Amino acid sequence: MIKVLHISTAKSFRGAEHIIANLCNTITTKYDNYLFCPTNADLVKKVNSKKVFTYNKLMGYDLLAGKKLNSIIKKEKINLLHIHDSHGLNLLQIINFLGNKTKAIVHRHVDFKINHPKKYQQKNIVAIIVVNKNSYEKLKHINKNIFLIYNGIDVVSITNQTKIKNSFVFVGNLSEEKNPLAFIEILNRLHEQNNLVQAHIFGDGSLKSDVVSAIQNRPFIKYHGFVEHIVEAIQEYEFLISTSSKEGFPLNILEAMSQKLLVVAPNINGINDILNSENAILYNDRNEVINQIASIMNNENQKEKIIKNAFQTVQEFSTTNMIQQIHNLYNSYI
């Protein structure tokens, strides 16, 4: 068995952690998956493997965590490291300093600025996985072994769920990046034009209090908090609106497409790897999107065409395809 140690330094459970859990929980005859993450990480509860090692996370270069990681790699005879975030790269630098040269694959799940290119040129990094074309362009001049592997979801067959007409949903972290307040602004303006509009917000994060405050006295917008089984929760709604300013590869959009919601999203990197004018409504500014949504709300033929195209698109982004591509990459370097 080839022993792969996944390294995550995140405490919350978001898109990247969902991918890590899928990788760790995939049973194969060739790969034995281990996990190294913070003690209080939500990921600990999501991974079935008993081979989970934890540490008390500190900020910056965490020497104690690096020493513990180095010891685990040696004791468990790990063959390959799979690093899933930038702080994990810091830990890689520490174990390199300690003389550990275990091969590593770096997996960047977000679109990011490259402030320290030398981090990506460490000698034991055999490959870098990115999740959108923009990230690929940024890194291809720094490390030649760059691979674009899109994130995947479990494409669940949709039930014959009747959609609630004129219903809109926001799914995601309540953060500046995801901009839920912009979603509320869009729905306020749509409601001024059509008082039958209703909206639902799913998620948690630093802007929770701002969101709750912004929807007071707006009974047509409901806040549901974080919901674990989000696919089932959104099936009955008609539209998903993304208001992100930045994306890696958005799983919430794929999930919405799989449940035949019509996706409305900004035309930005990461999102436009998936969406185009045939399978979604892409917008460049909020004034534009109000008019775009208003024009399609009662155009059943156009809605049906876009939703059908989107459902065909999402079949390409399955968890099975993603894991197979990653395992093929493992095979190339072990």
C-alpha atoms as a PDB file:
ATOM      1  CA  MET A   1       0.000   0.000   0.000  1.00  0.00           C
ATOM      2  CA  ILE A   2       1.165   3.519  -0.823  1.00  0.00           C
ATOM      3  CA  LYS A   3       0.738   5.757   2.213  1.00  0.00           C
ATOM      4  CA  VAL A   4      -0.515   9.265   1.426  1.00  0.00           C
ATOM      5  CA  LEU A   5      -0.652  11.885   4.176  1.00  0.00           C
ATOM      6  CA  HIS A   6      -3.073  14.753   3.531  1.00  0.00           C
ATOM      7  CA  ILE A   7      -2.103  18.010   5.246  1.00  0.00           C
ATOM      8  CA  SER A   8      -4.751  20.618   6.006  1.00  0.00           C
ATOM      9  CA  THR A   9      -4.395  23.553   8.405  1.00  0.00           C
ATOM     10  CA  ALA A  10      -7.996  24.807   8.119  1.00  0.00           C
ATOM     11  CA  LYS A  11     -10.350  24.660  11.094  1.00  0.00           C
ATOM     12  CA  SER A  12     -13.629  25.216   9.247  1.00  0.00           C
ATOM     13  CA  PHE A  13     -15.230  22.863   6.724  1.00  0.00           C
ATOM     14  CA  ARG A  14     -15.597  24.446   3.292  1.00  0.00           C
ATOM     15  CA  GLY A  15     -15.106  23.407  -0.310  1.00  0.00           C
ATOM     16  CA  ALA A  16     -11.451  22.370  -0.017  1.00  0.00           C
ATOM     17  CA  GLU A  17     -12.118  20.331   3.117  1.00  0.00           C
ATOM     18  CA  HIS A  18     -14.993  18.603   1.328  1.00  0.00           C
ATOM     19  CA  ILE A  19     -12.499  17.476  -1.339  1.00  0.00           C
ATOM     20  CA  ILE A  20     -10.015  16.284   1.307  1.00  0.00           C
ATOM     21  CA  ALA A  21     -12.729  14.257   3.057  1.00  0.00           C
ATOM     22  CA  ASN A  22     -13.680  12.609  -0.250  1.00  0.00           C
ATOM     23  CA  LEU A  23     -10.045  11.692  -0.925  1.00  0.00           C
ATOM     24  CA  CYS A  24      -9.485  10.351   2.595  1.00  0.00           C
ATOM     25  CA  ASN A  25     -12.727   8.353   2.610  1.00  0.00           C
ATOM     26  CA  THR A  26     -12.136   6.716  -0.769  1.00  0.00           C
ATOM     27  CA  ILE A  27     -11.224   3.072  -0.212  1.00  0.00           C
ATOM     28  CA  THR A  28      -8.723   1.615  -2.683  1.00  0.00           C
ATOM     29  CA  THR A  29      -6.427  -1.384  -2.741  1.00  0.00           C
ATOM     30  CA  LYS A  30      -3.462   0.814  -3.621  1.00  0.00           C
ATOM     31  CA  TYR A  31      -3.620   3.916  -1.411  1.00  0.00           C
ATOM     32  CA  ASP A  32      -3.769   4.205   2.364  1.00  0.00           C
ATOM     33  CA  ASN A  33      -4.891   7.728   3.302  1.00  0.00           C
ATOM     34  CA  TYR A  34      -3.818   9.564   6.450  1.00  0.00           C
ATOM     35  CA  LEU A  35      -4.725  13.060   7.656  1.00  0.00           C
ATOM     36  CA  PHE A  36      -2.768  15.722   9.575  1.00  0.00           C
ATOM     37  CA  CYS A  37      -4.862  18.696  10.693  1.00  0.00           C
ATOM     38  CA  PRO A  38      -5.629  20.968  13.683  1.00  0.00           C
ATOM     39  CA  THR A  39      -7.139  19.321  16.765  1.00  0.00           C
ATOM     40  CA  ASN A  40     -10.334  21.374  16.570  1.00  0.00           C
ATOM     41  CA  ALA A  41     -10.766  21.122  12.782  1.00  0.00           C
ATOM     42  CA  ASP A  42     -14.250  20.230  11.545  1.00  0.00           C
ATOM     43  CA  LEU A  43     -12.538  17.893   9.079  1.00  0.00           C
ATOM     44  CA  VAL A  44     -11.715  15.445  11.905  1.00  0.00           C
ATOM     45  CA  LYS A  45     -15.411  14.533  12.193  1.00  0.00           C
ATOM     46  CA  LYS A  46     -15.801  14.079   8.433  1.00  0.00           C
ATOM     47  CA  VAL A  47     -13.009  11.595   7.810  1.00  0.00           C
ATOM     48  CA  ASN A  48     -13.780   7.932   8.388  1.00  0.00           C
ATOM     49  CA  SER A  49     -10.166   6.835   8.644  1.00  0.00           C
ATOM     50  CA  LYS A  50      -8.811   6.238  12.116  1.00  0.00           C
ATOM     51  CA  LYS A  51      -5.441   7.362  10.783  1.00  0.00           C
ATOM     52  CA  VAL A  52      -5.961  11.000  11.734  1.00  0.00           C
ATOM     53  CA  PHE A  53      -3.180  12.939  13.459  1.00  0.00           C
ATOM     54  CA  THR A  54      -3.873  16.316  15.005  1.00  0.00           C
ATOM     55  CA  TYR A  55      -1.916  19.255  16.391  1.00  0.00           C
ATOM     56  CA  ASN A  56      -2.602  22.502  18.222  1.00  0.00           C
ATOM     57  CA  LYS A  57      -2.465  25.156  15.520  1.00  0.00           C
ATOM     58  CA  LEU A  58      -0.393  28.316  15.939  1.00  0.00           C
ATOM     59  CA  MET A  59      -0.098  31.169  13.452  1.00  0.00           C
ATOM     60  CA  GLY A  60       2.799  31.580  11.018  1.00  0.00           C
ATOM     61  CA  TYR A  61       5.665  29.080  10.965  1.00  0.00           C
ATOM     62  CA  ASP A  62       4.631  26.532  13.589  1.00  0.00           C
ATOM     63  CA  LEU A  63       7.842  24.729  14.564  1.00  0.00           C
ATOM     64  CA  LEU A  64       6.129  22.387  17.030  1.00  0.00           C
ATOM     65  CA  ALA A  65       3.625  21.277  14.390  1.00  0.00           C
ATOM     66  CA  GLY A  66       6.458  20.837  11.896  1.00  0.00           C
ATOM     67  CA  LYS A  67       8.374  18.624  14.321  1.00  0.00           C
ATOM     68  CA  LYS A  68       5.269  16.536  15.019  1.00  0.00           C
ATOM     69  CA  LEU A  69       4.599  16.171  11.290  1.00  0.00           C
ATOM     70  CA  ASN A  70       8.194  15.118  10.678  1.00  0.00           C
ATOM     71  CA  SER A  71       7.933  12.462  13.400  1.00  0.00           C
ATOM     72  CA  ILE A  72       4.648  11.076  11.996  1.00  0.00           C
ATOM     73  CA  ILE A  73       6.078  10.824   8.471  1.00  0.00           C
ATOM     74  CA  LYS A  74       9.016   8.808   9.751  1.00  0.00           C
ATOM     75  CA  LYS A  75       7.047   6.592  12.139  1.00  0.00           C
ATOM     76  CA  GLU A  76       4.262   5.771   9.655  1.00  0.00           C
ATOM     77  CA  LYS A  77       6.659   5.527   6.694  1.00  0.00           C
ATOM     78  CA  ILE A  78       4.630   7.923   4.584  1.00  0.00           C
ATOM     79  CA  ASN A  79       5.361   7.740   0.830  1.00  0.00           C
ATOM     80  CA  LEU A  80       3.690  10.943  -0.352  1.00  0.00           C
ATOM     81  CA  LEU A  81       2.469  14.208   1.149  1.00  0.00           C
ATOM     82  CA  HIS A  82      -0.640  15.888  -0.288  1.00  0.00           C
ATOM     83  CA  ILE A  83      -0.654  19.503   0.912  1.00  0.00           C
ATOM     84  CA  HIS A  84      -3.938  21.385   0.623  1.00  0.00           C
ATOM     85  CA  ASP A  85      -3.227  24.999   1.672  1.00  0.00           C
ATOM     86  CA  SER A  86      -0.568  27.694   2.038  1.00  0.00           C
ATOM     87  CA  HIS A  87       0.104  27.083   5.750  1.00  0.00           C
ATOM     88  CA  GLY A  88       0.734  23.466   4.818  1.00  0.00           C
ATOM     89  CA  LEU A  89       3.506  24.781   2.572  1.00  0.00           C
ATOM     90  CA  ASN A  90       5.011  26.433   5.655  1.00  0.00           C
ATOM     91  CA  LEU A  91       5.035  23.045   7.396  1.00  0.00           C
ATOM     92  CA  LEU A  92       6.736  21.545   4.339  1.00  0.00           C
ATOM     93  CA  GLN A  93       9.502  24.145   4.621  1.00  0.00           C
ATOM     94  CA  ILE A  94      10.002  23.210   8.278  1.00  0.00           C
ATOM     95  CA  ILE A  95      10.305  19.472   7.668  1.00  0.00           C
ATOM     96  CA  ASN A  96      12.670  20.179   4.759  1.00  0.00           C
ATOM     97  CA  PHE A  97      14.829  22.158   7.178  1.00  0.00           C
ATOM     98  CA  LEU A  98      14.740  19.112   9.478  1.00  0.00           C
ATOM     99  CA  GLY A  99      16.082  16.974   6.634  1.00  0.00           C
ATOM    100  CA  ASN A 100      12.847  15.272   5.571  1.00  0.00           C
ATOM    101  CA  LYS A 101      12.688  14.928   1.778  1.00  0.00           C
ATOM    102  CA  THR A 102       9.411  13.025   1.374  1.00  0.00           C
ATOM    103  CA  LYS A 103       7.818  13.781  -1.992  1.00  0.00           C
ATOM    104  CA  ALA A 104       4.970  16.267  -1.910  1.00  0.00           C
ATOM    105  CA  ILE A 105       2.059  17.270  -4.137  1.00  0.00           C
ATOM    106  CA  VAL A 106       0.659  20.757  -3.498  1.00  0.00           C
ATOM    107  CA  HIS A 107      -3.064  21.250  -4.112  1.00  0.00           C
ATOM    108  CA  ARG A 108      -4.293  24.874  -4.237  1.00  0.00           C
ATOM    109  CA  HIS A 109      -8.076  25.013  -3.975  1.00  0.00           C
ATOM    110  CA  VAL A 110      -8.348  28.810  -4.268  1.00  0.00           C
ATOM    111  CA  ASP A 111      -7.357  31.516  -6.725  1.00  0.00           C
ATOM    112  CA  PHE A 112      -4.478  33.297  -4.982  1.00  0.00           C
ATOM    113  CA  LYS A 113      -1.661  35.795  -5.173  1.00  0.00           C
ATOM    114  CA  ILE A 114       1.829  34.314  -5.315  1.00  0.00           C
ATOM    115  CA  ASN A 115       3.686  36.340  -2.719  1.00  0.00           C
ATOM    116  CA  HIS A 116       6.441  33.795  -2.115  1.00  0.00           C
ATOM    117  CA  PRO A 117       7.189  31.876  -5.330  1.00  0.00           C
ATOM    118  CA  LYS A 118      10.095  29.974  -3.762  1.00  0.00           C
ATOM    119  CA  LYS A 119       7.585  28.073  -1.623  1.00  0.00           C
ATOM    120  CA  TYR A 120       6.404  26.396  -4.824  1.00  0.00           C
ATOM    121  CA  GLN A 121       9.933  25.542  -5.939  1.00  0.00           C
ATOM    122  CA  GLN A 122      10.938  23.355  -3.005  1.00  0.00           C
ATOM    123  CA  LYS A 123      12.854  20.379  -4.369  1.00  0.00           C
ATOM    124  CA  ASN A 124      10.563  17.713  -2.956  1.00  0.00           C
ATOM    125  CA  ILE A 125       7.433  19.244  -4.580  1.00  0.00           C
ATOM    126  CA  VAL A 126       6.899  16.874  -7.494  1.00  0.00           C
ATOM    127  CA  ALA A 127       3.634  18.390  -8.737  1.00  0.00           C
ATOM    128  CA  ILE A 128       1.158  21.209  -8.131  1.00  0.00           C
ATOM    129  CA  ILE A 129      -2.584  20.813  -8.647  1.00  0.00           C
ATOM    130  CA  VAL A 130      -4.692  23.908  -9.367  1.00  0.00           C
ATOM    131  CA  VAL A 131      -8.459  24.104  -9.785  1.00  0.00           C
ATOM    132  CA  ASN A 132      -8.919  26.840 -12.389  1.00  0.00           C
ATOM    133  CA  LYS A 133      -7.246  28.177 -15.514  1.00  0.00           C
ATOM    134  CA  ASN A 134      -6.224  31.482 -13.966  1.00  0.00           C
ATOM    135  CA  SER A 135      -4.221  29.743 -11.218  1.00  0.00           C
ATOM    136  CA  TYR A 136      -2.582  27.568 -13.866  1.00  0.00           C
ATOM    137  CA  GLU A 137      -1.408  30.649 -15.764  1.00  0.00           C
ATOM    138  CA  LYS A 138       0.002  32.190 -12.581  1.00  0.00           C
ATOM    139  CA  LEU A 139       2.034  29.144 -11.596  1.00  0.00           C
ATOM    140  CA  LYS A 140       3.206  27.648 -14.878  1.00  0.00           C
ATOM    141  CA  HIS A 141       6.238  29.972 -14.978  1.00  0.00           C
ATOM    142  CA  ILE A 142       7.241  29.043 -11.407  1.00  0.00           C
ATOM    143  CA  ASN A 143       6.977  25.258 -11.501  1.00  0.00           C
ATOM    144  CA  LYS A 144       6.721  23.259 -14.722  1.00  0.00           C
ATOM    145  CA  ASN A 145       4.815  20.366 -13.130  1.00  0.00           C
ATOM    146  CA  ILE A 146       1.421  22.091 -12.953  1.00  0.00           C
ATOM    147  CA  PHE A 147      -1.785  20.111 -13.405  1.00  0.00           C
ATOM    148  CA  LEU A 148      -5.310  21.487 -13.776  1.00  0.00           C
ATOM    149  CA  ILE A 149      -7.750  19.136 -12.037  1.00  0.00           C
ATOM    150  CA  TYR A 150     -11.233  20.481 -11.464  1.00  0.00           C
ATOM    151  CA  ASN A 151     -12.991  19.767  -8.181  1.00  0.00           C
ATOM    152  CA  GLY A 152     -15.879  17.346  -8.336  1.00  0.00           C
ATOM    153  CA  ILE A 153     -19.139  16.597  -6.574  1.00  0.00           C
ATOM    154  CA  ASP A 154     -21.263  13.494  -6.100  1.00  0.00           C
ATOM    155  CA  VAL A 155     -23.778  14.022  -8.867  1.00  0.00           C
ATOM    156  CA  VAL A 156     -26.972  12.906  -7.160  1.00  0.00           C
ATOM    157  CA  SER A 157     -29.986  12.143  -9.314  1.00  0.00           C
ATOM    158  CA  ILE A 158     -32.607  14.808  -8.802  1.00  0.00           C
ATOM    159  CA  THR A 159     -35.976  13.838  -7.429  1.00  0.00           C
ATOM    160  CA  ASN A 160     -39.110  15.149  -9.122  1.00  0.00           C
ATOM    161  CA  GLN A 161     -39.000  18.167  -6.844  1.00  0.00           C
ATOM    162  CA  THR A 162     -41.484  20.894  -7.656  1.00  0.00           C
ATOM    163  CA  LYS A 163     -39.723  24.246  -7.693  1.00  0.00           C
ATOM    164  CA  ILE A 164     -41.007  27.201  -5.714  1.00  0.00           C
ATOM    165  CA  LYS A 165     -41.552  29.864  -8.347  1.00  0.00           C
ATOM    166  CA  ASN A 166     -39.493  33.076  -8.001  1.00  0.00           C
ATOM    167  CA  SER A 167     -37.385  31.559  -5.195  1.00  0.00           C
ATOM    168  CA  PHE A 168     -33.710  32.473  -4.843  1.00  0.00           C
ATOM    169  CA  VAL A 169     -30.958  30.974  -2.711  1.00  0.00           C
ATOM    170  CA  PHE A 170     -27.496  31.995  -1.495  1.00  0.00           C
ATOM    171  CA  VAL A 171     -25.142  29.209  -0.366  1.00  0.00           C
ATOM    172  CA  GLY A 172     -21.697  29.881   1.041  1.00  0.00           C
ATOM    173  CA  ASN A 173     -19.467  31.314   3.701  1.00  0.00           C
ATOM    174  CA  LEU A 174     -20.776  34.636   5.025  1.00  0.00           C
ATOM    175  CA  SER A 175     -17.579  36.520   4.286  1.00  0.00           C
ATOM    176  CA  GLU A 176     -16.383  39.593   2.407  1.00  0.00           C
ATOM    177  CA  GLU A 177     -15.257  37.349  -0.452  1.00  0.00           C
ATOM    178  CA  LYS A 178     -18.668  35.714  -0.910  1.00  0.00           C
ATOM    179  CA  ASN A 179     -20.464  39.042  -0.311  1.00  0.00           C
ATOM    180  CA  PRO A 180     -23.878  37.924   1.002  1.00  0.00           C
ATOM    181  CA  LEU A 181     -24.874  41.563   1.530  1.00  0.00           C
ATOM    182  CA  ALA A 182     -24.787  42.022  -2.244  1.00  0.00           C
ATOM    183  CA  PHE A 183     -27.194  39.089  -2.552  1.00  0.00           C
ATOM    184  CA  ILE A 184     -29.559  40.841  -0.130  1.00  0.00           C
ATOM    185  CA  GLU A 185     -29.284  44.074  -2.141  1.00  0.00           C
ATOM    186  CA  ILE A 186     -30.158  42.242  -5.364  1.00  0.00           C
ATOM    187  CA  LEU A 187     -33.171  40.570  -3.738  1.00  0.00           C
ATOM    188  CA  ASN A 188     -34.396  43.861  -2.297  1.00  0.00           C
ATOM    189  CA  ARG A 189     -34.409  45.362  -5.767  1.00  0.00           C
ATOM    190  CA  LEU A 190     -36.077  42.330  -7.323  1.00  0.00           C
ATOM    191  CA  HIS A 191     -38.731  42.391  -4.611  1.00  0.00           C
ATOM    192  CA  GLU A 192     -39.498  46.017  -5.460  1.00  0.00           C
ATOM    193  CA  GLN A 193     -40.375  44.825  -8.966  1.00  0.00           C
ATOM    194  CA  ASN A 194     -42.121  41.597  -7.949  1.00  0.00           C
ATOM    195  CA  ASN A 195     -43.444  41.133  -4.432  1.00  0.00           C
ATOM    196  CA  LEU A 196     -43.787  37.366  -4.946  1.00  0.00           C
ATOM    197  CA  VAL A 197     -40.000  36.964  -4.791  1.00  0.00           C
ATOM    198  CA  GLN A 198     -38.609  34.999  -1.841  1.00  0.00           C
ATOM    199  CA  ALA A 199     -35.019  34.267  -0.820  1.00  0.00           C
ATOM    200  CA  HIS A 200     -33.112  31.873   1.434  1.00  0.00           C
ATOM    201  CA  ILE A 201     -29.569  32.238   2.808  1.00  0.00           C
ATOM    202  CA  PHE A 202     -27.542  29.175   3.851  1.00  0.00           C
ATOM    203  CA  GLY A 203     -24.153  29.554   5.507  1.00  0.00           C
ATOM    204  CA  ASP A 204     -22.198  30.875   8.453  1.00  0.00           C
ATOM    205  CA  GLY A 205     -19.223  33.166   8.873  1.00  0.00           C
ATOM    206  CA  SER A 206     -17.855  36.502  10.001  1.00  0.00           C
ATOM    207  CA  LEU A 207     -20.692  38.525   8.416  1.00  0.00           C
ATOM    208  CA  LYS A 208     -23.489  36.553  10.077  1.00  0.00           C
ATOM    209  CA  SER A 209     -24.585  39.437  12.348  1.00  0.00           C
ATOM    210  CA  ASP A 210     -24.539  41.847   9.379  1.00  0.00           C
ATOM    211  CA  VAL A 211     -26.694  39.473   7.349  1.00  0.00           C
ATOM    212  CA  VAL A 212     -29.203  38.939  10.155  1.00  0.00           C
ATOM    213  CA  SER A 213     -29.413  42.700  10.688  1.00  0.00           C
ATOM    214  CA  ALA A 214     -29.830  43.419   6.965  1.00  0.00           C
ATOM    215  CA  ILE A 215     -32.824  41.098   6.578  1.00  0.00           C
ATOM    216  CA  GLN A 216     -34.757  42.411   9.571  1.00  0.00           C
ATOM    217  CA  ASN A 217     -38.178  43.633   8.485  1.00  0.00           C
ATOM    218  CA  ARG A 218     -37.726  41.737   5.220  1.00  0.00           C
ATOM    219  CA  PRO A 219     -39.912  38.644   5.677  1.00  0.00           C
ATOM    220  CA  PHE A 220     -39.286  37.547   2.103  1.00  0.00           C
ATOM    221  CA  ILE A 221     -35.632  36.720   3.006  1.00  0.00           C
ATOM    222  CA  LYS A 222     -34.986  33.876   5.452  1.00  0.00           C
ATOM    223  CA  TYR A 223     -31.679  32.932   7.076  1.00  0.00           C
ATOM    224  CA  HIS A 224     -31.171  29.204   7.712  1.00  0.00           C
ATOM    225  CA  GLY A 225     -27.578  29.118   9.031  1.00  0.00           C
ATOM    226  CA  PHE A 226     -25.170  26.328   8.118  1.00  0.00           C
ATOM    227  CA  VAL A 227     -26.880  23.210   6.766  1.00  0.00           C
ATOM    228  CA  GLU A 228     -24.813  20.050   6.384  1.00  0.00           C
ATOM    229  CA  HIS A 229     -26.823  18.343   3.630  1.00  0.00           C
ATOM    230  CA  ILE A 230     -27.111  21.374   1.399  1.00  0.00           C
ATOM    231  CA  VAL A 231     -28.047  19.536  -1.802  1.00  0.00           C
ATOM    232  CA  GLU A 232     -31.267  18.282  -0.251  1.00  0.00           C
ATOM    233  CA  ALA A 233     -31.940  21.708   1.288  1.00  0.00           C
ATOM    234  CA  ILE A 234     -31.840  23.631  -2.001  1.00  0.00           C
ATOM    235  CA  GLN A 235     -33.702  21.219  -4.294  1.00  0.00           C
ATOM    236  CA  GLU A 236     -37.017  23.068  -4.113  1.00  0.00           C
ATOM    237  CA  TYR A 237     -35.694  26.493  -5.127  1.00  0.00           C
ATOM    238  CA  GLU A 238     -35.554  27.961  -8.610  1.00  0.00           C
ATOM    239  CA  PHE A 239     -32.422  30.158  -8.738  1.00  0.00           C
ATOM    240  CA  LEU A 240     -29.003  30.218  -7.068  1.00  0.00           C
ATOM    241  CA  ILE A 241     -27.259  33.601  -7.041  1.00  0.00           C
ATOM    242  CA  SER A 242     -23.526  33.866  -6.440  1.00  0.00           C
ATOM    243  CA  THR A 243     -22.136  37.274  -5.491  1.00  0.00           C
ATOM    244  CA  SER A 244     -18.511  36.216  -4.969  1.00  0.00           C
ATOM    245  CA  SER A 245     -15.660  38.576  -5.721  1.00  0.00           C
ATOM    246  CA  LYS A 246     -13.171  35.693  -5.860  1.00  0.00           C
ATOM    247  CA  GLU A 247     -13.448  31.937  -6.410  1.00  0.00           C
ATOM    248  CA  GLY A 248     -11.273  28.859  -6.737  1.00  0.00           C
ATOM    249  CA  PHE A 249     -13.704  26.322  -8.132  1.00  0.00           C
ATOM    250  CA  PRO A 250     -17.153  26.746  -6.559  1.00  0.00           C
ATOM    251  CA  LEU A 251     -18.776  23.498  -5.448  1.00  0.00           C
ATOM    252  CA  ASN A 252     -22.005  25.292  -4.498  1.00  0.00           C
ATOM    253  CA  ILE A 253     -22.544  26.182  -8.150  1.00  0.00           C
ATOM    254  CA  LEU A 254     -22.005  22.582  -9.258  1.00  0.00           C
ATOM    255  CA  GLU A 255     -24.406  21.361  -6.567  1.00  0.00           C
ATOM    256  CA  ALA A 256     -27.053  23.843  -7.673  1.00  0.00           C
ATOM    257  CA  MET A 257     -26.651  22.817 -11.310  1.00  0.00           C
ATOM    258  CA  SER A 258     -27.011  19.157 -10.330  1.00  0.00           C
ATOM    259  CA  GLN A 259     -30.373  19.977  -8.715  1.00  0.00           C
ATOM    260  CA  LYS A 260     -31.553  21.974 -11.726  1.00  0.00           C
ATOM    261  CA  LEU A 261     -31.449  25.408 -10.174  1.00  0.00           C
ATOM    262  CA  LEU A 262     -30.736  28.180 -12.631  1.00  0.00           C
ATOM    263  CA  VAL A 263     -27.392  29.694 -11.645  1.00  0.00           C
ATOM    264  CA  VAL A 264     -26.774  33.450 -11.716  1.00  0.00           C
ATOM    265  CA  ALA A 265     -23.108  34.300 -11.140  1.00  0.00           C
ATOM    266  CA  PRO A 266     -20.427  36.935 -11.726  1.00  0.00           C
ATOM    267  CA  ASN A 267     -18.175  36.502 -14.746  1.00  0.00           C
ATOM    268  CA  ILE A 268     -14.945  35.975 -12.783  1.00  0.00           C
ATOM    269  CA  ASN A 269     -12.042  33.502 -12.761  1.00  0.00           C
ATOM    270  CA  GLY A 270     -12.988  30.091 -11.403  1.00  0.00           C
ATOM    271  CA  ILE A 271     -16.666  30.578 -12.130  1.00  0.00           C
ATOM    272  CA  ASN A 272     -16.151  31.059 -15.862  1.00  0.00           C
ATOM    273  CA  ASP A 273     -14.252  27.765 -15.960  1.00  0.00           C
ATOM    274  CA  ILE A 274     -17.676  26.165 -15.493  1.00  0.00           C
ATOM    275  CA  LEU A 275     -20.264  28.651 -16.681  1.00  0.00           C
ATOM    276  CA  ASN A 276     -21.019  30.398 -19.950  1.00  0.00           C
ATOM    277  CA  SER A 277     -24.002  32.110 -21.558  1.00  0.00           C
ATOM    278  CA  GLU A 278     -25.484  28.735 -22.538  1.00  0.00           C
ATOM    279  CA  ASN A 279     -25.673  27.153 -19.066  1.00  0.00           C
ATOM    280  CA  ALA A 280     -26.096  30.131 -16.695  1.00  0.00           C
ATOM    281  CA  ILE A 281     -26.694  33.842 -16.385  1.00  0.00           C
ATOM    282  CA  LEU A 282     -23.293  35.522 -16.119  1.00  0.00           C
ATOM    283  CA  TYR A 283     -23.156  39.163 -15.097  1.00  0.00           C
ATOM    284  CA  ASN A 284     -20.548  41.912 -14.857  1.00  0.00           C
ATOM    285  CA  ASP A 285     -22.316  44.357 -12.535  1.00  0.00           C
ATOM    286  CA  ARG A 286     -25.333  44.409 -10.222  1.00  0.00           C
ATOM    287  CA  ASN A 287     -27.433  46.788 -12.299  1.00  0.00           C
ATOM    288  CA  GLU A 288     -27.022  44.462 -15.236  1.00  0.00           C
ATOM    289  CA  VAL A 289     -27.983  41.340 -13.269  1.00  0.00           C
ATOM    290  CA  ILE A 290     -31.255  42.824 -11.996  1.00  0.00           C
ATOM    291  CA  ASN A 291     -32.413  43.283 -15.587  1.00  0.00           C
ATOM    292  CA  GLN A 292     -31.120  39.853 -16.629  1.00  0.00           C
ATOM    293  CA  ILE A 293     -33.000  38.071 -13.852  1.00  0.00           C
ATOM    294  CA  ALA A 294     -36.177  40.076 -14.348  1.00  0.00           C
ATOM    295  CA  SER A 295     -36.216  39.245 -18.053  1.00  0.00           C
ATOM    296  CA  ILE A 296     -35.923  35.494 -17.537  1.00  0.00           C
ATOM    297  CA  MET A 297     -38.150  34.975 -14.491  1.00  0.00           C
ATOM    298  CA  ASN A 298     -41.254  34.428 -16.633  1.00  0.00           C
ATOM    299  CA  ASN A 299     -39.513  33.051 -19.706  1.00  0.00           C
ATOM    300  CA  GLU A 300     -40.052  29.342 -19.092  1.00  0.00           C
ATOM    301  CA  ASN A 301     -38.569  28.193 -22.404  1.00  0.00           C
ATOM    302  CA  GLN A 302     -35.312  30.050 -21.866  1.00  0.00           C
ATOM    303  CA  LYS A 303     -35.067  28.875 -18.247  1.00  0.00           C
ATOM    304  CA  GLU A 304     -35.595  25.270 -19.285  1.00  0.00           C
ATOM    305  CA  LYS A 305     -32.927  25.510 -21.990  1.00  0.00           C
ATOM    306  CA  ILE A 306     -30.299  26.960 -19.630  1.00  0.00           C
ATOM    307  CA  ILE A 307     -31.079  24.441 -16.867  1.00  0.00           C
ATOM    308  CA  LYS A 308     -30.852  21.523 -19.309  1.00  0.00           C
ATOM    309  CA  ASN A 309     -27.452  22.704 -20.565  1.00  0.00           C
ATOM    310  CA  ALA A 310     -26.227  23.198 -16.995  1.00  0.00           C
ATOM    311  CA  PHE A 311     -27.308  19.698 -15.965  1.00  0.00           C
ATOM    312  CA  GLN A 312     -25.345  18.255 -18.896  1.00  0.00           C
ATOM    313  CA  THR A 313     -22.301  20.335 -17.936  1.00  0.00           C
ATOM    314  CA  VAL A 314     -22.230  19.179 -14.319  1.00  0.00           C
ATOM    315  CA  GLN A 315     -21.936  15.517 -15.347  1.00  0.00           C
ATOM    316  CA  GLU A 316     -18.313  16.283 -16.323  1.00  0.00           C
ATOM    317  CA  PHE A 317     -17.408  17.323 -12.768  1.00  0.00           C
ATOM    318  CA  SER A 318     -17.931  14.168 -10.731  1.00  0.00           C
ATOM    319  CA  THR A 319     -16.034  13.183  -7.597  1.00  0.00           C
ATOM    320  CA  THR A 320     -15.116   9.905  -9.300  1.00  0.00           C
ATOM    321  CA  ASN A 321     -13.427  11.685 -12.227  1.00  0.00           C
ATOM    322  CA  MET A 322     -11.555  14.040  -9.890  1.00  0.00           C
ATOM    323  CA  ILE A 323     -10.243  11.247  -7.664  1.00  0.00           C
ATOM    324  CA  GLN A 324      -9.183   9.157 -10.659  1.00  0.00           C
ATOM    325  CA  GLN A 325      -7.149  12.065 -12.068  1.00  0.00           C
ATOM    326  CA  ILE A 326      -5.485  12.635  -8.689  1.00  0.00           C
ATOM    327  CA  HIS A 327      -4.659   8.943  -8.311  1.00  0.00           C
ATOM    328  CA  ASN A 328      -3.163   8.951 -11.821  1.00  0.00           C
ATOM    329  CA  LEU A 329      -0.949  11.807 -10.662  1.00  0.00           C
ATOM    330  CA  TYR A 330       0.096   9.827  -7.565  1.00  0.00           C
ATOM    331  CA  ASN A 331       1.063   6.948  -9.843  1.00  0.00           C
ATOM    332  CA  SER A 332       3.327   9.223 -11.871  1.00  0.00           C
ATOM    333  CA  TYR A 333       5.484  10.187  -8.886  1.00  0.00           C
ATOM    334  CA  ILE A 334       5.586   7.112  -6.632  1.00  0.00           C
END
